[in-house]
Amino acid sequence: MSKFVPRFYATFEEGKLKIHNPSGFREYLGTLNGKLELLVYEWKSKRTGSQNNYFHAFIRLIADEIGDANVEDLKEWFKDEAGEKVEVEKFGKKKMVNKSTALYSRSEMVSFIQRIEIISGIPAPDPNKFKVID
């Protein structure tokens, strides 16, 4: 049976690990016994796969709400209206284009989804209450 387990964050500086929520970490460790798996990796600010899945599910939800079957066109429309822009130069000409959402930072993705909510008038589901499934 699948279950959710808490996630803890830390900072590693000058050879010392500082747990951001030490009391919660100790409390959770108190519920465990035996062998454990500890996964440690460097935190990245790039948007996550979960954010990407959430974004696509939100676009599908909006498409369903407005009766638009063309999800890809709707996604591109929102990128034109509310997405991040970058300047590119090709053949000696500079042009502003939509930044790929794959290159968004976590905060850029959150802001983009918030702008989509405002434009569409459709609130994004609370990601803490809903899980995106295929």
Protein backbone atom coordinates (compact mmCIF):
# COMPACT_ATOMS: atom_id res chain seq x y z
CA MET A 1 0.00 0.00 0.00
CA SER A 2 1.37 3.41 -0.98
CA LYS A 3 1.64 6.16 1.59
CA PHE A 4 3.01 9.65 1.91
CA VAL A 5 6.08 10.27 4.03
CA PRO A 6 7.29 13.67 5.21
CA ARG A 7 9.99 15.52 3.32
CA PHE A 8 12.62 17.44 5.26
CA TYR A 9 14.93 20.16 4.01
CA ALA A 10 18.41 21.03 5.16
CA THR A 11 21.38 23.23 4.41
CA PHE A 12 24.92 21.89 4.24
CA GLU A 13 27.57 24.53 4.92
CA GLU A 14 31.11 24.35 6.24
CA GLY A 15 30.82 20.60 6.75
CA LYS A 16 27.67 20.87 8.90
CA LEU A 17 24.16 19.68 8.11
CA LYS A 18 21.43 22.00 9.42
CA ILE A 19 17.93 20.49 9.36
CA HIS A 20 15.36 23.27 8.80
CA ASN A 21 12.74 21.62 11.02
CA PRO A 22 14.84 19.70 13.59
CA SER A 23 12.02 19.00 16.04
CA GLY A 24 9.75 17.63 13.28
CA PHE A 25 12.64 15.57 11.94
CA ARG A 26 13.39 14.08 15.38
CA GLU A 27 9.68 13.42 15.96
CA TYR A 28 9.37 11.57 12.67
CA LEU A 29 12.55 9.56 13.31
CA GLY A 30 10.97 8.50 16.62
CA THR A 31 8.22 6.73 14.66
CA LEU A 32 10.72 4.59 12.73
CA ASN A 33 12.68 1.47 13.59
CA GLY A 34 15.15 -0.68 11.68
CA LYS A 35 16.84 0.01 8.36
CA LEU A 36 16.15 3.35 6.68
CA GLU A 37 16.71 4.86 3.27
CA LEU A 38 18.12 8.37 3.27
CA LEU A 39 18.09 10.28 -0.01
CA VAL A 40 20.15 13.47 -0.16
CA TYR A 41 20.54 15.63 -3.25
CA GLU A 42 21.20 19.24 -4.11
CA TRP A 43 18.05 21.34 -4.32
CA LYS A 44 17.41 22.80 -7.75
CA SER A 45 15.38 25.87 -8.53
CA LYS A 46 14.27 24.62 -11.97
CA ARG A 47 10.58 23.87 -12.25
CA THR A 48 9.81 20.33 -11.26
CA GLY A 49 8.21 17.50 -13.18
CA SER A 50 5.30 17.71 -10.77
CA GLN A 51 4.85 21.40 -11.60
CA ASN A 52 4.88 20.56 -15.30
CA ASN A 53 2.28 17.81 -14.85
CA TYR A 54 0.17 20.16 -12.73
CA PHE A 55 0.40 22.91 -15.39
CA HIS A 56 -0.77 20.54 -18.15
CA ALA A 57 -3.60 19.20 -15.99
CA PHE A 58 -4.69 22.78 -15.20
CA ILE A 59 -4.72 23.66 -18.90
CA ARG A 60 -6.85 20.54 -19.57
CA LEU A 61 -9.23 21.60 -16.77
CA ILE A 62 -9.59 25.07 -18.33
CA ALA A 63 -10.13 23.54 -21.78
CA ASP A 64 -12.91 21.36 -20.35
CA GLU A 65 -14.48 24.35 -18.55
CA ILE A 66 -14.60 26.49 -21.71
CA GLY A 67 -15.40 23.63 -24.09
CA ASP A 68 -12.15 23.90 -26.06
CA ALA A 69 -10.84 20.53 -27.23
CA ASN A 70 -7.53 21.95 -28.51
CA VAL A 71 -5.37 21.88 -25.38
CA GLU A 72 -2.14 22.63 -27.26
CA ASP A 73 -3.56 25.81 -28.80
CA LEU A 74 -4.83 26.90 -25.40
CA LYS A 75 -1.41 26.30 -23.83
CA GLU A 76 0.27 28.37 -26.54
CA TRP A 77 -2.36 31.10 -26.16
CA PHE A 78 -1.60 31.39 -22.44
CA LYS A 79 2.14 31.41 -23.15
CA ASP A 80 1.56 34.33 -25.55
CA GLU A 81 -0.64 36.20 -23.08
CA ALA A 82 1.08 35.52 -19.78
CA GLY A 83 4.28 33.56 -20.31
CA GLU A 84 7.86 34.59 -19.75
CA LYS A 85 9.60 36.11 -22.78
CA VAL A 86 13.24 35.86 -23.87
CA GLU A 87 15.17 37.67 -26.54
CA VAL A 88 16.74 35.55 -29.25
CA GLU A 89 18.91 36.62 -32.14
CA LYS A 90 18.82 34.74 -35.43
CA PHE A 91 20.23 35.87 -38.77
CA GLY A 92 21.25 39.20 -37.24
CA LYS A 93 17.70 39.97 -36.04
CA LYS A 94 16.61 40.13 -32.41
CA LYS A 95 13.13 39.04 -31.45
CA MET A 96 11.19 38.41 -28.24
CA VAL A 97 9.77 34.88 -28.08
CA ASN A 98 7.99 32.75 -25.52
CA LYS A 99 10.36 31.11 -23.07
CA SER A 100 9.92 27.34 -22.98
CA THR A 101 8.16 26.30 -19.77
CA ALA A 102 10.83 23.59 -19.49
CA LEU A 103 13.27 26.40 -18.68
CA TYR A 104 11.07 28.12 -16.08
CA SER A 105 12.31 28.31 -12.52
CA ARG A 106 9.96 27.06 -9.81
CA SER A 107 8.89 30.61 -8.98
CA GLU A 108 8.35 31.50 -12.67
CA MET A 109 6.05 28.48 -13.02
CA VAL A 110 4.06 29.46 -9.92
CA SER A 111 3.69 33.04 -11.21
CA PHE A 112 2.67 31.79 -14.66
CA ILE A 113 -0.08 29.60 -13.21
CA GLN A 114 -1.29 32.52 -11.06
CA ARG A 115 -1.49 34.76 -14.16
CA ILE A 116 -3.45 32.05 -15.97
CA GLU A 117 -5.91 31.95 -13.05
CA ILE A 118 -6.44 35.71 -13.33
CA ILE A 119 -6.87 35.69 -17.11
CA SER A 120 -9.16 32.64 -17.21
CA GLY A 121 -11.10 33.36 -14.03
CA ILE A 122 -10.69 29.67 -13.20
CA PRO A 123 -8.89 28.90 -9.93
CA ALA A 124 -6.11 26.33 -10.03
CA PRO A 125 -6.77 23.36 -7.73
CA ASP A 126 -4.81 23.41 -4.48
CA PRO A 127 -1.79 21.14 -5.15
CA ASN A 128 -1.77 20.19 -1.46
CA LYS A 129 -5.28 18.77 -1.77
CA PHE A 130 -5.19 17.22 -5.24
CA LYS A 131 -2.75 14.87 -6.94
CA VAL A 132 -2.28 14.86 -10.70
CA ILE A 133 -2.63 11.41 -12.27
CA ASP A 134 -2.45 10.30 -15.89
